[in-house]
Protein backbone atom coordinates (compact mmCIF):
# COMPACT_ATOMS: atom_id res chain seq x y z
CA MET A 1 -14.27 4.88 11.78
CA SER A 2 -16.97 7.34 10.86
CA GLY A 3 -20.38 5.93 9.80
CA PRO A 4 -22.76 7.37 7.30
CA ASP A 5 -24.10 10.12 9.78
CA GLY A 6 -20.42 11.05 10.59
CA SER A 7 -20.82 9.46 14.14
CA THR A 8 -17.96 7.14 15.30
CA GLN A 9 -19.05 3.44 14.93
CA SER A 10 -17.13 1.65 17.71
CA ARG A 11 -17.58 0.12 21.00
CA PHE A 12 -15.12 2.25 22.78
CA ARG A 13 -15.84 5.85 23.64
CA LEU A 14 -13.00 7.52 21.98
CA PRO A 15 -11.26 10.50 23.38
CA GLY A 16 -9.20 11.98 20.56
CA LEU A 17 -10.02 15.42 20.60
CA LYS A 18 -7.69 17.83 18.93
CA GLY A 19 -5.49 19.52 21.20
CA ARG A 20 -6.85 17.70 24.08
CA GLY A 21 -4.51 15.82 26.56
CA CYS A 22 -5.69 12.14 26.50
CA ALA A 23 -4.33 8.78 28.13
CA TRP A 24 -4.74 5.57 26.23
CA ALA A 25 -4.15 2.20 28.19
CA ALA A 26 -4.14 -1.51 27.78
CA ASP A 27 -3.02 -4.59 29.13
CA LEU A 28 0.37 -4.61 27.49
CA VAL A 29 2.42 -1.80 25.81
CA LEU A 30 5.03 -2.60 23.58
CA PRO A 31 7.28 0.73 22.88
CA VAL A 32 9.71 -0.97 20.48
CA GLY A 33 13.32 0.03 21.29
CA ALA A 34 12.19 0.07 25.20
CA PRO A 35 11.11 -2.66 27.47
CA SER A 36 7.49 -3.69 27.44
CA ILE A 37 4.93 -2.20 30.02
CA ALA A 38 2.39 -4.44 31.44
CA ARG A 39 -0.85 -2.40 32.24
CA GLY A 40 0.60 0.70 30.53
CA ALA A 41 -0.65 3.86 29.07
CA VAL A 42 0.28 6.43 26.51
CA LEU A 43 -0.44 10.19 27.69
CA THR A 44 -0.92 12.15 24.42
CA ALA A 45 -1.25 15.78 23.91
CA GLY A 46 -0.84 18.46 20.78
CA GLY A 47 -0.03 15.41 18.42
CA ARG A 48 2.84 13.99 20.57
CA VAL A 49 3.37 11.39 23.36
CA ALA A 50 3.75 13.48 26.42
CA ALA A 51 4.39 10.12 28.94
CA LEU A 52 4.69 6.44 28.62
CA GLY A 53 4.52 4.16 31.65
CA PRO A 54 2.19 2.42 33.91
CA ALA A 55 -1.45 3.07 33.61
CA GLY A 56 -1.88 3.41 37.29
CA ALA A 57 0.47 6.51 37.13
CA LEU A 58 -0.78 8.18 34.06
CA LEU A 59 -4.65 7.68 34.10
CA PRO A 60 -5.20 9.77 36.93
CA ARG A 61 -3.33 12.62 35.04
CA VAL A 62 -6.23 13.48 32.76
CA PRO A 63 -10.13 13.75 33.41
CA ALA A 64 -12.17 10.64 33.36
CA ASP A 65 -13.52 11.84 30.13
CA ALA A 66 -10.23 11.94 28.30
CA ARG A 67 -9.27 8.13 29.22
CA LEU A 68 -9.45 5.05 27.17
CA ASP A 69 -8.82 1.90 28.50
CA PHE A 70 -8.80 -1.03 26.20
CA GLY A 71 -8.24 -3.43 28.51
CA ARG A 72 -6.97 -6.97 27.24
CA ALA A 73 -5.00 -5.60 24.32
CA ILE A 74 -1.65 -4.72 23.14
CA LEU A 75 -0.58 -1.30 22.10
CA ILE A 76 1.98 -0.82 19.93
CA PRO A 77 3.53 2.12 17.59
CA GLY A 78 1.63 2.86 14.30
CA LEU A 79 2.88 0.13 11.83
CA VAL A 80 4.82 1.62 9.05
CA ASP A 81 4.05 -0.05 5.48
CA ALA A 82 7.37 1.09 3.64
CA HIS A 83 6.21 0.32 0.25
CA THR A 84 2.39 0.39 -1.07
CA HIS A 85 0.93 1.71 -4.24
CA LEU A 86 -2.53 3.33 -2.44
CA GLU A 87 -3.81 4.42 -5.80
CA LEU A 88 -4.34 0.74 -6.93
CA ALA A 89 -6.38 -0.60 -4.09
CA ALA A 90 -9.75 -0.56 -6.22
CA LEU A 91 -7.93 -2.56 -9.06
CA ARG A 92 -8.15 -6.35 -8.98
CA LEU A 93 -6.10 -8.43 -11.34
CA PRO A 94 -5.86 -12.30 -11.01
CA PRO A 95 -2.46 -13.91 -10.39
CA ALA A 96 -0.33 -14.11 -13.63
CA PRO A 97 3.06 -14.36 -14.97
CA MET A 98 4.72 -10.86 -14.00
CA ALA A 99 5.12 -9.53 -17.35
CA ASP A 100 1.35 -10.44 -18.29
CA TRP A 101 0.16 -8.97 -15.10
CA ILE A 102 2.11 -5.66 -15.73
CA ALA A 103 0.74 -5.64 -19.31
CA SER A 104 -2.76 -5.88 -18.01
CA LEU A 105 -2.29 -3.36 -15.02
CA VAL A 106 -0.96 -0.83 -17.53
CA ARG A 107 -3.65 -1.37 -19.94
CA GLU A 108 -6.38 -0.86 -17.29
CA THR A 109 -5.07 2.16 -15.55
CA ARG A 110 -4.04 3.95 -18.56
CA ALA A 111 -7.73 4.72 -19.39
CA TRP A 112 -8.31 5.87 -15.49
CA SER A 113 -8.77 9.74 -14.94
CA SER A 114 -7.01 11.40 -11.90
CA SER A 115 -10.27 11.53 -9.94
CA LEU A 116 -10.47 7.56 -10.13
CA PHE A 117 -6.67 7.42 -9.24
CA LEU A 118 -7.68 9.74 -5.97
CA ALA A 119 -10.69 7.76 -5.17
CA SER A 120 -8.74 4.54 -5.29
CA ALA A 121 -5.91 5.99 -3.09
CA LYS A 122 -8.55 6.87 -0.67
CA VAL A 123 -9.89 3.41 -0.34
CA GLY A 124 -6.22 2.33 -0.01
CA ALA A 125 -5.61 4.90 2.69
CA ALA A 126 -8.78 3.89 4.44
CA GLY A 127 -7.88 0.38 4.54
CA THR A 128 -4.34 0.89 5.72
CA LEU A 129 -5.72 2.74 8.65
CA ALA A 130 -7.96 -0.02 9.53
CA ALA A 131 -4.94 -2.44 9.17
CA GLY A 132 -3.29 -0.36 12.19
CA VAL A 133 -0.66 1.26 9.75
CA THR A 134 -0.20 5.00 10.38
CA CYS A 135 2.66 5.52 7.96
CA VAL A 136 3.47 4.61 4.48
CA GLY A 137 6.01 4.75 1.82
CA ASP A 138 3.70 5.00 -1.04
CA VAL A 139 4.39 4.96 -4.70
CA THR A 140 2.35 6.95 -6.95
CA ALA A 141 2.39 7.14 -10.96
CA SER A 142 -0.66 9.69 -11.13
CA GLY A 143 0.46 12.23 -8.16
CA GLU A 144 -2.83 11.84 -6.49
CA SER A 145 -2.19 9.98 -3.52
CA PRO A 146 -0.56 12.44 -1.47
CA ALA A 147 -3.88 14.16 -1.11
CA ALA A 148 -5.43 10.88 0.11
CA ILE A 149 -2.72 10.16 2.16
CA ALA A 150 -3.07 13.65 4.11
CA ASP A 151 -6.79 13.43 4.16
CA ALA A 152 -6.62 10.28 6.08
CA GLY A 153 -4.47 11.65 8.66
CA LEU A 154 -1.30 9.33 7.76
CA ARG A 155 2.33 10.19 7.75
CA GLY A 156 4.62 9.16 5.32
CA VAL A 157 6.69 9.76 1.67
CA ALA A 158 5.09 9.62 -1.63
CA PHE A 159 7.49 8.55 -3.92
CA HIS A 160 6.85 9.81 -7.53
CA GLU A 161 7.33 6.96 -10.16
CA VAL A 162 9.66 8.01 -12.94
CA LEU A 163 10.07 5.38 -16.05
CA GLY A 164 11.72 5.57 -19.56
CA LEU A 165 14.06 3.58 -21.55
CA GLU A 166 15.40 6.26 -23.79
CA GLY A 167 18.70 7.31 -22.19
CA ASP A 168 19.02 10.38 -24.47
CA ARG A 169 15.56 11.75 -23.14
CA ALA A 170 16.44 11.24 -19.32
CA GLY A 171 16.46 15.07 -18.38
CA GLU A 172 13.08 15.61 -20.53
CA ILE A 173 11.61 12.78 -18.72
CA LEU A 174 12.37 13.81 -15.19
CA ALA A 175 11.34 17.23 -15.71
CA ARG A 176 7.77 16.10 -16.64
CA ARG A 177 7.90 14.09 -13.68
CA LEU A 178 9.38 16.95 -11.19
CA ALA A 179 6.49 19.05 -12.46
CA VAL A 180 4.03 16.51 -11.53
CA LEU A 181 5.61 16.23 -8.10
CA GLU A 182 5.62 19.96 -7.64
CA ARG A 183 1.99 20.21 -8.53
CA SER A 184 1.03 17.58 -6.32
CA HIS A 185 2.71 19.10 -3.35
CA ALA A 186 1.93 22.56 -4.08
CA TYR A 187 -0.79 22.70 -1.46
CA ARG A 188 1.38 21.74 1.49
CA GLY A 189 0.12 24.67 3.74
CA ALA A 190 -3.64 23.93 2.73
CA LEU A 191 -2.66 20.23 3.78
CA PRO A 192 -0.73 20.15 7.21
CA GLY A 193 -0.26 16.35 6.89
CA GLN A 194 1.03 16.28 3.50
CA PRO A 195 3.58 13.40 3.11
CA GLY A 196 6.93 14.26 2.46
CA ALA A 197 7.96 13.81 -1.38
CA GLY A 198 10.43 11.38 -3.08
CA LEU A 199 11.38 10.00 -6.53
CA SER A 200 11.37 6.35 -7.52
CA PRO A 201 12.98 4.91 -11.13
CA HIS A 202 10.71 2.14 -11.28
CA ALA A 203 13.00 -0.61 -12.11
CA PRO A 204 16.18 -1.47 -13.97
CA TYR A 205 14.12 -3.25 -16.81
CA THR A 206 11.86 0.25 -17.20
CA ALA A 207 14.37 2.94 -16.45
CA SER A 208 17.57 3.54 -18.30
CA PRO A 209 20.72 3.89 -16.38
CA GLU A 210 20.81 7.66 -17.36
CA LEU A 211 17.53 8.15 -15.90
CA TYR A 212 18.60 6.55 -12.71
CA ARG A 213 21.34 8.95 -12.36
CA ALA A 214 19.35 11.95 -13.29
CA VAL A 215 17.00 10.99 -10.84
CA LEU A 216 19.67 10.43 -7.88
CA HIS A 217 21.21 13.69 -8.99
CA ALA A 218 17.87 15.40 -8.62
CA CYS A 219 17.27 13.68 -4.96
CA ARG A 220 20.71 14.98 -3.77
CA GLU A 221 19.76 18.58 -4.99
CA ARG A 222 16.47 18.70 -3.45
CA GLY A 223 17.24 16.63 -0.35
CA LEU A 224 14.42 13.87 -1.52
CA PRO A 225 14.77 10.11 -0.67
CA ALA A 226 14.73 7.59 -3.81
CA ALA A 227 13.29 4.31 -3.81
CA THR A 228 13.25 1.48 -6.74
CA HIS A 229 11.52 -2.03 -7.26
CA LEU A 230 14.83 -4.17 -7.50
CA ALA A 231 15.33 -7.82 -8.39
CA GLU A 232 11.64 -8.82 -7.94
CA SER A 233 11.41 -11.93 -10.17
CA PRO A 234 13.31 -14.51 -11.95
CA GLU A 235 11.85 -13.02 -15.29
CA GLU A 236 13.65 -9.41 -14.35
CA ALA A 237 16.65 -11.35 -13.38
CA ARG A 238 16.78 -13.34 -16.78
CA PHE A 239 16.05 -10.02 -18.60
CA LEU A 240 19.09 -8.15 -17.16
CA ARG A 241 21.42 -11.25 -17.94
CA GLU A 242 20.15 -12.45 -21.30
CA GLY A 243 17.52 -9.79 -22.68
CA GLY A 244 14.40 -10.95 -24.74
CA GLY A 245 11.96 -13.37 -22.87
CA ASP A 246 8.59 -12.18 -21.39
CA PHE A 247 9.79 -8.98 -20.57
CA ALA A 248 11.01 -8.18 -23.95
CA ARG A 249 7.32 -9.41 -25.02
CA MET A 250 5.70 -6.98 -22.51
CA HIS A 251 7.59 -4.06 -23.59
CA ARG A 252 6.54 -4.50 -27.24
CA GLU A 253 2.83 -5.38 -26.46
CA LEU A 254 2.86 -1.85 -24.44
CA GLY A 255 4.55 -0.01 -27.08
CA SER A 256 7.68 0.97 -25.01
CA PRO A 257 11.10 1.06 -26.89
CA ALA A 258 12.46 -2.52 -25.85
CA GLU A 259 15.32 -2.15 -28.77
CA LEU A 260 16.86 0.26 -26.58
CA PHE A 261 17.35 -1.93 -23.79
CA ARG A 262 20.76 -3.67 -24.00
CA ALA A 263 21.28 -6.83 -21.36
CA PRO A 264 24.00 -5.80 -19.03
CA GLY A 265 24.74 -9.73 -18.56
CA CYS A 266 24.70 -9.44 -14.59
CA SER A 267 22.05 -9.36 -11.90
CA PRO A 268 19.98 -6.28 -11.44
CA VAL A 269 21.76 -5.29 -8.24
CA GLU A 270 25.17 -5.36 -9.93
CA HIS A 271 23.92 -3.68 -13.02
CA LEU A 272 22.73 -0.50 -11.12
CA ASP A 273 26.20 -0.64 -9.10
CA ARG A 274 28.15 -0.61 -12.29
CA ALA A 275 25.89 2.27 -13.75
CA GLY A 276 26.52 4.40 -10.57
CA ALA A 277 22.77 4.06 -9.86
CA LEU A 278 22.97 2.39 -6.35
CA GLU A 279 24.92 4.75 -3.98
CA GLY A 280 22.24 7.27 -3.12
CA LEU A 281 19.26 5.00 -3.33
CA ARG A 282 17.17 5.26 0.09
CA LEU A 283 14.91 1.89 -0.44
CA ALA A 284 15.11 -1.00 -2.77
CA VAL A 285 12.00 -2.96 -2.61
CA HIS A 286 11.51 -6.85 -3.22
CA CYS A 287 15.11 -7.95 -3.72
CA ASN A 288 13.95 -11.64 -3.92
CA GLN A 289 16.45 -12.68 -6.63
CA THR A 290 19.79 -11.45 -4.75
CA GLY A 291 22.36 -13.43 -3.16
CA PRO A 292 25.51 -12.59 -0.94
CA ALA A 293 27.48 -10.53 -3.41
CA ASP A 294 24.10 -8.39 -3.94
CA TRP A 295 23.55 -8.04 -0.44
CA GLU A 296 27.38 -6.76 0.23
CA ARG A 297 26.58 -3.97 -2.68
CA LEU A 298 23.27 -2.95 -1.37
CA ARG A 299 25.00 -2.81 2.10
CA ARG A 300 28.23 -0.90 1.06
CA ALA A 301 25.59 1.59 -0.39
CA GLY A 302 23.56 1.82 2.62
CA VAL A 303 20.33 0.97 0.85
CA TRP A 304 17.46 -0.29 2.96
CA VAL A 305 15.66 -3.45 1.59
CA CYS A 306 11.86 -3.55 1.88
CA LEU A 307 10.40 -6.98 1.63
CA CYS A 308 6.91 -7.78 0.44
CA PRO A 309 6.03 -11.67 1.50
CA GLY A 310 2.26 -11.40 -0.07
CA SER A 311 3.45 -10.00 -3.22
CA ALA A 312 6.06 -12.82 -3.83
CA ARG A 313 3.37 -15.45 -2.87
CA PHE A 314 1.20 -13.72 -5.35
CA PHE A 315 3.29 -14.00 -8.34
CA GLY A 316 4.82 -17.31 -6.91
CA HIS A 317 8.24 -15.50 -6.84
CA PRO A 318 10.74 -17.13 -4.35
CA LEU A 319 10.92 -14.88 -1.26
CA ALA A 320 14.29 -13.02 -0.38
CA ASP A 321 16.50 -14.57 2.27
CA ALA A 322 15.83 -12.34 5.14
CA ALA A 323 17.66 -14.21 7.63
CA GLY A 324 20.72 -14.33 5.31
CA MET A 325 20.21 -10.31 4.57
CA ARG A 326 20.22 -9.52 8.26
CA ARG A 327 23.24 -11.51 8.88
CA ALA A 328 25.02 -9.68 5.70
CA GLY A 329 24.38 -6.65 7.77
CA LEU A 330 21.27 -5.18 5.97
CA ASN A 331 18.81 -2.98 7.10
CA LEU A 332 15.17 -4.60 6.25
CA CYS A 333 11.59 -3.39 6.40
CA LEU A 334 8.36 -4.44 5.41
CA GLY A 335 5.57 -3.63 2.87
CA THR A 336 2.31 -4.53 1.59
CA ASP A 337 2.94 -3.57 -2.17
CA SER A 338 -0.63 -3.13 -3.61
CA ARG A 339 -4.08 -4.37 -3.58
CA ALA A 340 -3.76 -5.32 -7.28
CA SER A 341 -0.94 -8.01 -6.12
CA HIS A 342 -2.29 -8.57 -2.72
CA SER A 343 -5.44 -9.63 -0.93
CA SER A 344 -4.90 -7.74 2.13
CA PHE A 345 -3.56 -4.41 3.86
CA SER A 346 -2.21 -6.25 7.05
CA LEU A 347 1.26 -5.54 7.51
CA LEU A 348 1.06 -7.83 10.37
CA ALA A 349 -0.05 -10.73 8.18
CA GLU A 350 2.95 -9.85 5.94
CA ALA A 351 5.48 -10.11 9.31
CA ALA A 352 3.61 -13.68 10.13
CA ALA A 353 4.45 -14.84 6.70
CA LEU A 354 8.14 -13.86 6.68
CA GLY A 355 8.21 -15.48 10.24
CA ALA A 356 6.90 -18.54 8.88
CA ALA A 357 9.27 -18.72 5.87
CA ARG A 358 12.29 -17.82 8.10
CA PRO A 359 11.62 -19.09 11.51
CA GLY A 360 14.87 -17.32 12.63
CA LEU A 361 13.09 -14.03 12.92
CA GLY A 362 11.54 -13.70 16.41
CA ALA A 363 8.47 -11.85 17.38
CA GLU A 364 10.22 -8.64 18.95
CA GLU A 365 12.13 -8.55 15.42
CA LEU A 366 9.21 -8.91 13.30
CA LEU A 367 7.37 -6.13 15.05
CA ARG A 368 10.55 -3.95 14.77
CA LEU A 369 10.37 -4.49 10.92
CA CYS A 370 6.82 -3.39 10.87
CA THR A 371 7.52 -0.25 12.93
CA LEU A 372 10.83 1.25 13.28
CA GLY A 373 12.44 -0.49 10.64
CA GLY A 374 10.30 1.35 8.23
CA ALA A 375 10.41 4.37 9.63
CA GLU A 376 14.31 4.48 9.55
CA ALA A 377 13.86 3.35 5.97
CA LEU A 378 11.72 6.19 5.20
CA GLY A 379 13.68 8.77 7.32
CA LEU A 380 11.24 9.39 9.43
CA ALA A 381 12.54 7.89 13.06
CA GLY A 382 13.79 11.16 14.04
CA GLU A 383 10.30 12.33 14.32
CA GLY A 384 9.28 9.68 16.82
CA VAL A 385 7.55 7.62 13.96
CA GLY A 386 7.84 3.92 14.55
CA GLN A 387 8.23 3.83 18.43
CA LEU A 388 6.58 5.02 21.31
CA ARG A 389 8.72 7.60 22.93
CA ALA A 390 8.47 10.97 25.14
CA GLU A 391 7.89 13.67 22.37
CA GLY A 392 7.67 11.68 19.60
CA ALA A 393 4.71 11.23 17.22
CA ALA A 394 1.42 10.28 19.20
CA ASP A 395 0.64 7.23 16.38
CA PHE A 396 -0.03 3.92 17.76
CA ALA A 397 -2.54 1.00 17.20
CA VAL A 398 -4.11 -1.46 19.33
CA VAL A 399 -4.37 -5.04 18.62
CA GLU A 400 -6.90 -7.38 20.43
CA PRO A 401 -5.72 -11.14 20.24
CA PRO A 402 -8.56 -13.90 20.62
CA ALA A 403 -9.19 -15.21 23.89
CA GLY A 404 -6.79 -17.78 25.51
CA VAL A 405 -3.95 -16.30 23.36
CA PRO A 406 -1.30 -15.03 25.74
CA LEU A 407 -0.49 -11.00 25.84
CA ALA A 408 3.10 -11.03 24.21
CA ALA A 409 4.46 -9.73 21.05
CA GLU A 410 3.90 -13.24 19.52
CA ALA A 411 0.14 -12.75 19.78
CA LEU A 412 0.31 -9.75 17.53
CA PHE A 413 0.76 -12.48 14.72
CA HIS A 414 -2.01 -14.46 15.35
CA PRO A 415 -4.25 -15.08 12.51
CA GLU A 416 -7.55 -14.17 14.70
CA SER A 417 -5.67 -11.03 16.32
CA ARG A 418 -7.46 -7.84 15.25
CA ILE A 419 -6.80 -4.31 15.04
CA ILE A 420 -9.06 -2.46 16.98
CA CYS A 421 -8.08 1.15 16.97
CA ALA A 422 -5.37 3.19 15.07
CA VAL A 423 -4.46 6.72 16.05
CA THR A 424 -2.23 9.37 14.46
CA GLY A 425 -1.13 12.70 15.73
CA GLY A 426 -3.19 11.84 18.99
CA GLU A 427 -6.50 11.40 17.38
CA ALA A 428 -8.37 8.01 16.64
CA ARG A 429 -8.46 7.52 12.90
CA PHE A 430 -10.06 4.03 12.85
CA ALA A 431 -11.99 2.02 15.57
CA ALA A 432 -13.60 -1.33 15.56
């Protein structure tokens, strides 16, 4: 991490020189998808993993000044936060019923300039790196976060959010959003690390079925992934079943055309399925208010589910049954949501909370949800994101457990373990 004078503030001498082969060693390396390596090392060159194996064999392959040995620490793939709102990182809202919280968030951010969204996204990107996250699935309403993601050296997908209950204006609403997406990503050549683009119809209570279908059609035409918030709260489930209630009041307070909404009388998942708006979704976020019938619909449609335990705790929502979802054959990943609804950027803390709530999930499975699961959900696993393997992305994090805690996967989720380094493309982006 750079200090005010541009120097690196760290107890380590970091070798991360562009284009130079470097070796990074730790007493335990957990590659994910391959056996652990005691006293292991990762050799990086040209932004990729050149080799992975015993430190004794790899360290001598590079000059002494291109080696870094973290000693008693655990080196893991860079964490993948599959659902973030980086541009909300500077926003602090107190816990409240979800309808009231949404109204407060919209009133606050309506007055934000594009430069404030960008500055907030940069705060989010820095905090994300300090938490060992190297790849994000970010939802942007402003279109500013892709620049912050690229500037920080993060990988990921920026999902541009689309909202509107006016079904007869779905094409017009989408066209406006696509114009923002194209402007936001127009400088891909100028910023080589520009994240991939996607679209995100916000949720079934803010986007019409016509808008969902239009978004999914556009995604198929352009080869873009689609994500949505789904079945997050009891209020949402009630609004879909019965109409009225807190969410109807929220729409009226914000001036949105609530009178256009017709409660379908079913669960949010079934609503999208009936509307032909489930097939083609890549990622459904939250899914707390779901059961076996919904899980089967999601599984059949090939939708990944991203759980956000900290956000559920913030709102007091019941947390999704992750173990039941896994037994039903659903693919899962994890996200931190936003600092507006969560106090931390830590994905490892999210995994620890999920493990405490669902004891059937072991440490290795939790680590996979934080890494390869997220990479697969975002369509980036083919680039070697989310695991350490030869020719894969040279993205990783180093975790230092407290003294006396054995070096094992379980130590990653100890409340006193801390991230001491985060590397993307073979370059150190954060160091404690």
